[in-house]
Amino acid sequence: MTICLQRREFIAGLGGAAAWPLAAGAQQPAIPVIGYLHVGSPEPSRVVAFHKGLSESGYVEGRNVAIEYRWAHNEVDRLPELAADLVRRRVAVIVTEGIASVLAAKAATTTIPIVFGTGADPIQEGLVASLNRPGGNITGIASQSVELTPKRLGLLHELLPRAARLAVLVNSNDPNAASMITDVRAAASTIGLQIEVFFASTNREVEAAFASLAQKRADALLVLPSILFLDRRVQLATLAAHYRMPASYPSRENVEAGGLMSYGANFADMNRQGGIYVGRVLKGDKPVDLPVMQSTRFEFVINLQTARLLGLDIPPTLLAIADEVIE
């Protein structure tokens, strides 16, 4: 399926509905409208996976459902107004990804159903009362991406056992930034690693962070979960190659773009599951009756081309447990 996101964003105000042939005098039946709120930028893979889940539930955009897209382009301050706009338009359900987007949607409405996708702990973040009985108007899919940070650190340490100085890249606008840093410090101390944290929330800040961590002679880089870093995956891979910096990422998309290695949930599957849940809500299921789903598909991906460029030999033990090795 080919999707022109920029055009679709432009015509989102029209509801994305296609005109159906009608008998004379008949009225076109109203179709439900989904509000799609995202902290990041238009990304074909996200929307395609979401559409796949919707279609599995019997809904196709332009045929029997319309979608209003709202992209914050990683400008977190825009999210409250974008969420409020969807509420004013009285959408049937709001689907959202990323903790900042979820929090904005949750603050905007207590009545419109919300289906989220997040890497944070939904209970710890106060999104739901429990996984089995979310409560209120919100449910969704938790990728456990934040909780997997110690695992990523361990894999990076196994690749580079002599590394002593670890750089950690954090999105300064992420609501989870402080807690993620605390967790990674604790995990690093158990294996004797010294870490230095670098913050970035724009292209320029990402470039400055890489220049600084290279100047301070970091041995490796751990990129913490953030949609910002997923959207800027080509930039991250290019800078890591330029500075010859081994780096570990939360998602396979980073590795497909030239990153060295990743461990995390399959985000395409998460977005597909989100589409399925939205379909269930449109059919009448209430969020309170839909348990929060936790991702069960975790992938360890290694890019051998990048390893060769960095002059690294991947240990056979890591190759043996990799779910995919990109040649």
Protein backbone atom coordinates (compact mmCIF):
# COMPACT_ATOMS: atom_id res chain seq x y z
CA MET A 1 0.00 0.00 0.00
CA THR A 2 1.43 3.40 -0.99
CA ILE A 3 0.56 6.30 1.24
CA CYS A 4 1.35 9.94 0.53
CA LEU A 5 1.48 11.21 4.08
CA GLN A 6 2.03 14.87 3.30
CA ARG A 7 -1.00 14.95 1.03
CA ARG A 8 -3.02 12.97 3.53
CA GLU A 9 -2.06 15.36 6.31
CA PHE A 10 -3.21 18.26 4.06
CA ILE A 11 -6.60 16.74 3.39
CA ALA A 12 -7.03 15.33 6.93
CA GLY A 13 -9.54 18.09 7.65
CA LEU A 14 -11.77 16.57 5.01
CA GLY A 15 -11.90 13.37 7.03
CA GLY A 16 -10.21 11.21 4.40
CA ALA A 17 -13.58 9.84 3.29
CA ALA A 18 -14.27 8.79 -0.28
CA ALA A 19 -17.65 9.62 -1.79
CA TRP A 20 -19.96 6.66 -2.29
CA PRO A 21 -22.55 6.44 -5.07
CA LEU A 22 -25.92 7.27 -3.56
CA ALA A 23 -29.43 6.74 -4.72
CA ALA A 24 -31.36 9.92 -5.49
CA GLY A 25 -32.55 11.60 -2.32
CA ALA A 26 -30.53 9.31 -0.03
CA GLN A 27 -28.14 10.72 2.55
CA GLN A 28 -24.58 9.53 2.90
CA PRO A 29 -24.27 7.68 6.23
CA ALA A 30 -21.82 9.16 8.69
CA ILE A 31 -18.65 7.16 9.18
CA PRO A 32 -16.58 7.15 12.39
CA VAL A 33 -13.52 9.37 12.58
CA ILE A 34 -10.27 8.28 14.26
CA GLY A 35 -7.97 10.89 15.73
CA TYR A 36 -4.32 9.94 15.12
CA LEU A 37 -2.04 11.88 17.49
CA HIS A 38 1.72 11.40 17.23
CA VAL A 39 4.66 13.24 18.75
CA GLY A 40 6.86 12.44 15.73
CA SER A 41 6.74 13.08 12.00
CA PRO A 42 4.80 11.33 9.22
CA GLU A 43 6.31 7.87 8.78
CA PRO A 44 4.91 5.42 6.19
CA SER A 45 5.82 2.31 8.18
CA ARG A 46 3.84 3.51 11.21
CA VAL A 47 0.69 4.25 9.26
CA VAL A 48 0.89 1.13 7.08
CA ALA A 49 1.14 -1.13 10.14
CA PHE A 50 -1.74 0.69 11.84
CA HIS A 51 -3.87 0.38 8.69
CA LYS A 52 -3.10 -3.34 8.58
CA GLY A 53 -4.51 -3.79 12.07
CA LEU A 54 -7.55 -1.71 11.20
CA SER A 55 -8.21 -3.81 8.11
CA GLU A 56 -8.00 -6.99 10.18
CA SER A 57 -10.85 -5.51 12.22
CA GLY A 58 -12.85 -4.72 9.09
CA TYR A 59 -12.06 -1.01 8.71
CA VAL A 60 -10.48 0.69 5.71
CA GLU A 61 -9.72 4.40 5.60
CA GLY A 62 -11.89 6.18 3.04
CA ARG A 63 -14.35 3.32 2.88
CA ASN A 64 -15.93 2.92 6.31
CA VAL A 65 -13.69 5.03 8.55
CA ALA A 66 -11.92 8.40 8.31
CA ILE A 67 -8.70 9.43 10.06
CA GLU A 68 -7.63 12.88 11.24
CA TYR A 69 -3.81 12.94 11.45
CA ARG A 70 -2.01 15.23 13.87
CA TRP A 71 1.81 15.21 13.86
CA ALA A 72 3.82 17.23 16.39
CA HIS A 73 7.12 16.82 14.49
CA ASN A 74 8.85 16.19 17.84
CA GLU A 75 7.70 19.55 19.19
CA VAL A 76 6.27 18.33 22.48
CA ASP A 77 4.74 21.70 23.34
CA ARG A 78 2.35 21.36 20.40
CA LEU A 79 0.75 18.16 21.69
CA PRO A 80 -1.84 19.65 24.10
CA GLU A 81 -3.37 21.84 21.39
CA LEU A 82 -3.30 19.02 18.81
CA ALA A 83 -5.07 16.75 21.30
CA ALA A 84 -7.61 19.46 22.15
CA ASP A 85 -8.34 19.95 18.46
CA LEU A 86 -9.19 16.27 18.05
CA VAL A 87 -11.49 16.49 21.06
CA ARG A 88 -13.25 19.53 19.58
CA ARG A 89 -13.79 17.55 16.38
CA ARG A 90 -15.49 14.84 18.45
CA VAL A 91 -13.53 11.96 17.00
CA ALA A 92 -14.76 8.49 17.92
CA VAL A 93 -11.40 7.33 19.30
CA ILE A 94 -7.87 8.71 19.65
CA VAL A 95 -4.87 6.53 18.87
CA THR A 96 -1.50 7.79 20.01
CA GLU A 97 2.12 6.69 20.32
CA GLY A 98 4.86 7.89 22.66
CA ILE A 99 4.43 8.78 26.33
CA ALA A 100 4.23 12.54 25.68
CA SER A 101 1.41 12.03 23.16
CA VAL A 102 -0.44 9.68 25.50
CA LEU A 103 -0.25 12.12 28.40
CA ALA A 104 -1.52 14.95 26.19
CA ALA A 105 -4.49 12.89 25.00
CA LYS A 106 -5.27 11.72 28.53
CA ALA A 107 -5.27 15.31 29.79
CA ALA A 108 -7.54 16.42 26.94
CA THR A 109 -10.44 14.01 27.48
CA THR A 110 -11.89 11.60 30.01
CA THR A 111 -14.68 10.41 27.72
CA ILE A 112 -13.29 9.76 24.23
CA PRO A 113 -11.64 6.31 24.12
CA ILE A 114 -7.83 6.40 23.83
CA VAL A 115 -5.66 3.57 22.47
CA PHE A 116 -1.98 4.13 23.18
CA GLY A 117 1.35 2.68 22.22
CA THR A 118 4.18 3.40 24.64
CA GLY A 119 7.58 2.13 25.68
CA ALA A 120 7.03 3.31 29.25
CA ASP A 121 5.40 1.39 32.09
CA PRO A 122 1.71 2.42 31.78
CA ILE A 123 1.02 1.77 35.47
CA GLN A 124 4.07 3.66 36.71
CA GLU A 125 3.19 6.59 34.43
CA GLY A 126 -0.36 6.70 35.80
CA LEU A 127 -1.99 5.86 32.48
CA VAL A 128 -3.93 2.86 33.77
CA ALA A 129 -4.89 1.35 37.12
CA SER A 130 -3.75 -2.13 36.10
CA LEU A 131 -2.89 -4.05 32.96
CA ASN A 132 -5.91 -6.37 33.15
CA ARG A 133 -8.42 -3.66 34.12
CA PRO A 134 -7.08 -0.36 32.79
CA GLY A 135 -9.96 1.75 34.12
CA GLY A 136 -11.26 4.96 32.64
CA ASN A 137 -11.19 5.65 28.91
CA ILE A 138 -7.70 4.41 28.05
CA THR A 139 -5.95 1.19 27.06
CA GLY A 140 -3.31 0.14 24.56
CA ILE A 141 -0.03 -1.63 23.92
CA ALA A 142 3.15 -1.39 26.01
CA SER A 143 6.37 -2.25 24.18
CA GLN A 144 8.44 -2.38 27.42
CA SER A 145 11.17 -0.50 25.56
CA VAL A 146 12.25 1.49 28.62
CA GLU A 147 12.40 -1.63 30.79
CA LEU A 148 14.71 -3.32 28.25
CA THR A 149 17.48 -0.71 28.62
CA PRO A 150 19.57 -2.85 31.03
CA LYS A 151 19.38 -5.72 28.53
CA ARG A 152 20.70 -3.46 25.75
CA LEU A 153 23.48 -2.32 28.04
CA GLY A 154 24.42 -5.92 28.77
CA LEU A 155 24.57 -6.83 25.09
CA LEU A 156 26.76 -3.80 24.36
CA HIS A 157 29.07 -4.79 27.21
CA GLU A 158 29.31 -8.32 25.81
CA LEU A 159 30.32 -6.87 22.46
CA LEU A 160 32.88 -4.52 24.02
CA PRO A 161 33.97 -6.09 27.34
CA ARG A 162 36.97 -3.74 27.66
CA ALA A 163 34.90 -0.59 27.25
CA ALA A 164 35.04 1.57 30.37
CA ARG A 165 33.46 4.87 29.33
CA LEU A 166 29.91 4.75 28.03
CA ALA A 167 28.03 7.67 26.51
CA VAL A 168 24.24 7.72 26.90
CA LEU A 169 22.10 9.77 24.52
CA VAL A 170 18.80 11.02 25.96
CA ASN A 171 15.96 13.08 24.53
CA SER A 172 15.78 16.01 26.94
CA ASN A 173 12.06 16.48 26.15
CA ASP A 174 11.13 12.92 27.11
CA PRO A 175 8.97 12.80 30.28
CA ASN A 176 10.82 9.60 31.24
CA ALA A 177 14.32 11.07 30.86
CA ALA A 178 15.15 11.30 34.57
CA SER A 179 13.92 7.80 35.44
CA MET A 180 15.68 6.23 32.44
CA ILE A 181 18.97 7.86 33.42
CA THR A 182 18.61 6.57 36.97
CA ASP A 183 17.98 3.05 35.70
CA VAL A 184 20.90 3.05 33.27
CA ARG A 185 23.28 4.39 35.95
CA ALA A 186 22.26 1.57 38.26
CA ALA A 187 22.70 -1.03 35.52
CA ALA A 188 26.08 0.39 34.50
CA SER A 189 27.42 0.38 38.04
CA THR A 190 26.80 -3.35 38.36
CA ILE A 191 29.23 -4.06 35.52
CA GLY A 192 31.75 -1.37 36.39
CA LEU A 193 30.96 1.08 33.58
CA GLN A 194 31.34 4.82 33.89
CA ILE A 195 28.64 6.70 32.02
CA GLU A 196 28.21 10.26 30.83
CA VAL A 197 24.82 11.51 29.73
CA PHE A 198 24.34 13.68 26.66
CA PHE A 199 21.04 15.43 25.94
CA ALA A 200 19.55 16.29 22.56
CA SER A 201 16.14 17.28 21.24
CA THR A 202 17.00 18.81 17.84
CA ASN A 203 19.19 17.93 14.85
CA ARG A 204 21.77 20.50 15.90
CA GLU A 205 21.85 19.17 19.47
CA VAL A 206 22.30 15.62 18.20
CA GLU A 207 25.31 16.73 16.15
CA ALA A 208 26.75 18.62 19.13
CA ALA A 209 26.27 15.60 21.40
CA PHE A 210 28.19 13.32 19.05
CA ALA A 211 31.03 15.83 18.72
CA SER A 212 31.22 16.11 22.50
CA LEU A 213 31.12 12.39 23.26
CA ALA A 214 33.82 11.78 20.65
CA GLN A 215 35.98 14.55 22.14
CA LYS A 216 35.61 12.94 25.56
CA ARG A 217 36.70 9.61 24.07
CA ALA A 218 33.65 7.54 24.90
CA ASP A 219 34.15 3.86 24.08
CA ALA A 220 30.55 3.21 23.05
CA LEU A 221 27.12 4.81 22.88
CA LEU A 222 23.78 3.68 24.28
CA VAL A 223 20.82 5.46 22.68
CA LEU A 224 17.84 5.51 25.02
CA PRO A 225 14.27 4.97 23.73
CA SER A 226 12.74 8.00 22.02
CA ILE A 227 10.62 8.57 18.93
CA LEU A 228 12.91 11.52 18.24
CA PHE A 229 15.89 9.19 17.79
CA LEU A 230 13.82 6.79 15.72
CA ASP A 231 12.81 9.60 13.38
CA ARG A 232 16.46 10.73 13.16
CA ARG A 233 17.87 7.25 12.69
CA VAL A 234 19.76 8.10 9.48
CA GLN A 235 21.42 11.07 11.16
CA LEU A 236 22.41 8.93 14.17
CA ALA A 237 23.84 6.15 12.00
CA THR A 238 25.77 8.64 9.87
CA LEU A 239 27.27 10.41 12.87
CA ALA A 240 28.14 7.12 14.60
CA ALA A 241 29.97 6.00 11.45
CA HIS A 242 31.73 9.36 11.11
CA TYR A 243 33.03 9.24 14.67
CA ARG A 244 33.56 5.46 14.53
CA MET A 245 31.35 5.03 17.57
CA PRO A 246 29.81 1.61 18.33
CA ALA A 247 26.20 2.26 19.29
CA SER A 248 23.23 0.28 20.55
CA TYR A 249 19.64 1.30 19.79
CA PRO A 250 16.12 0.35 20.94
CA SER A 251 14.67 -0.54 17.53
CA ARG A 252 15.53 -2.55 14.44
CA GLU A 253 14.73 0.47 12.25
CA ASN A 254 17.88 2.15 13.59
CA VAL A 255 19.96 -0.85 12.52
CA GLU A 256 18.31 -1.04 9.11
CA ALA A 257 19.37 2.59 8.68
CA GLY A 258 23.02 1.69 9.37
CA GLY A 259 23.19 1.46 13.16
CA LEU A 260 25.29 -1.29 14.73
CA MET A 261 22.88 -3.25 16.94
CA SER A 262 19.46 -3.09 18.56
CA TYR A 263 17.28 -4.96 20.99
CA GLY A 264 13.60 -4.22 21.46
CA ALA A 265 10.00 -4.81 20.52
CA ASN A 266 8.77 -5.05 16.97
CA PHE A 267 7.17 -1.61 16.52
CA ALA A 268 5.38 -2.57 13.33
CA ASP A 269 3.61 -5.31 15.25
CA MET A 270 2.78 -2.85 18.05
CA ASN A 271 1.19 -0.43 15.58
CA ARG A 272 -0.74 -3.29 13.99
CA GLN A 273 -2.07 -4.32 17.39
CA GLY A 274 -3.06 -0.72 17.98
CA GLY A 275 -5.10 -0.80 14.79
CA ILE A 276 -6.84 -3.97 15.95
CA TYR A 277 -7.71 -2.39 19.30
CA VAL A 278 -9.07 0.75 17.63
CA GLY A 279 -11.25 -1.48 15.47
CA ARG A 280 -12.61 -3.20 18.56
CA VAL A 281 -13.43 0.15 20.15
CA LEU A 282 -15.25 1.26 17.00
CA LYS A 283 -17.31 -1.91 17.23
CA GLY A 284 -18.39 -1.05 20.76
CA ASP A 285 -15.78 -2.49 23.12
CA LYS A 286 -14.89 -0.16 25.99
CA PRO A 287 -11.25 0.52 26.94
CA VAL A 288 -11.96 -0.59 30.50
CA ASP A 289 -12.70 -4.07 29.14
CA LEU A 290 -9.60 -4.26 26.92
CA PRO A 291 -6.48 -5.30 28.87
CA VAL A 292 -3.26 -3.47 28.13
CA MET A 293 -1.26 -5.70 25.80
CA GLN A 294 2.45 -6.12 26.40
CA SER A 295 4.76 -6.78 23.49
CA THR A 296 6.06 -10.33 23.38
CA ARG A 297 8.16 -10.11 20.21
CA PHE A 298 11.63 -8.81 21.03
CA GLU A 299 14.33 -8.73 18.38
CA PHE A 300 18.10 -8.62 18.62
CA VAL A 301 19.45 -7.27 15.32
CA ILE A 302 23.09 -6.81 14.27
CA ASN A 303 24.40 -4.97 11.22
CA LEU A 304 27.58 -6.76 10.10
CA GLN A 305 28.34 -4.14 7.47
CA THR A 306 28.49 -1.48 10.15
CA ALA A 307 30.60 -3.72 12.37
CA ARG A 308 33.14 -4.12 9.55
CA LEU A 309 33.23 -0.37 8.97
CA LEU A 310 33.99 0.10 12.66
CA GLY A 311 36.62 -2.62 12.62
CA LEU A 312 34.69 -4.78 15.08
CA ASP A 313 34.51 -8.55 15.27
CA ILE A 314 31.13 -9.65 16.56
CA PRO A 315 31.57 -12.49 19.10
CA PRO A 316 30.07 -15.81 17.96
CA THR A 317 27.96 -15.86 21.12
CA LEU A 318 26.16 -12.70 20.02
CA LEU A 319 25.75 -13.88 16.44
CA ALA A 320 24.24 -17.10 17.73
CA ILE A 321 21.48 -15.34 19.67
CA ALA A 322 20.75 -12.61 17.08
CA ASP A 323 17.29 -12.77 15.55
CA GLU A 324 18.61 -11.15 12.40
CA VAL A 325 22.06 -10.37 11.03
CA ILE A 326 22.19 -7.77 8.29
CA GLU A 327 24.99 -8.63 5.90
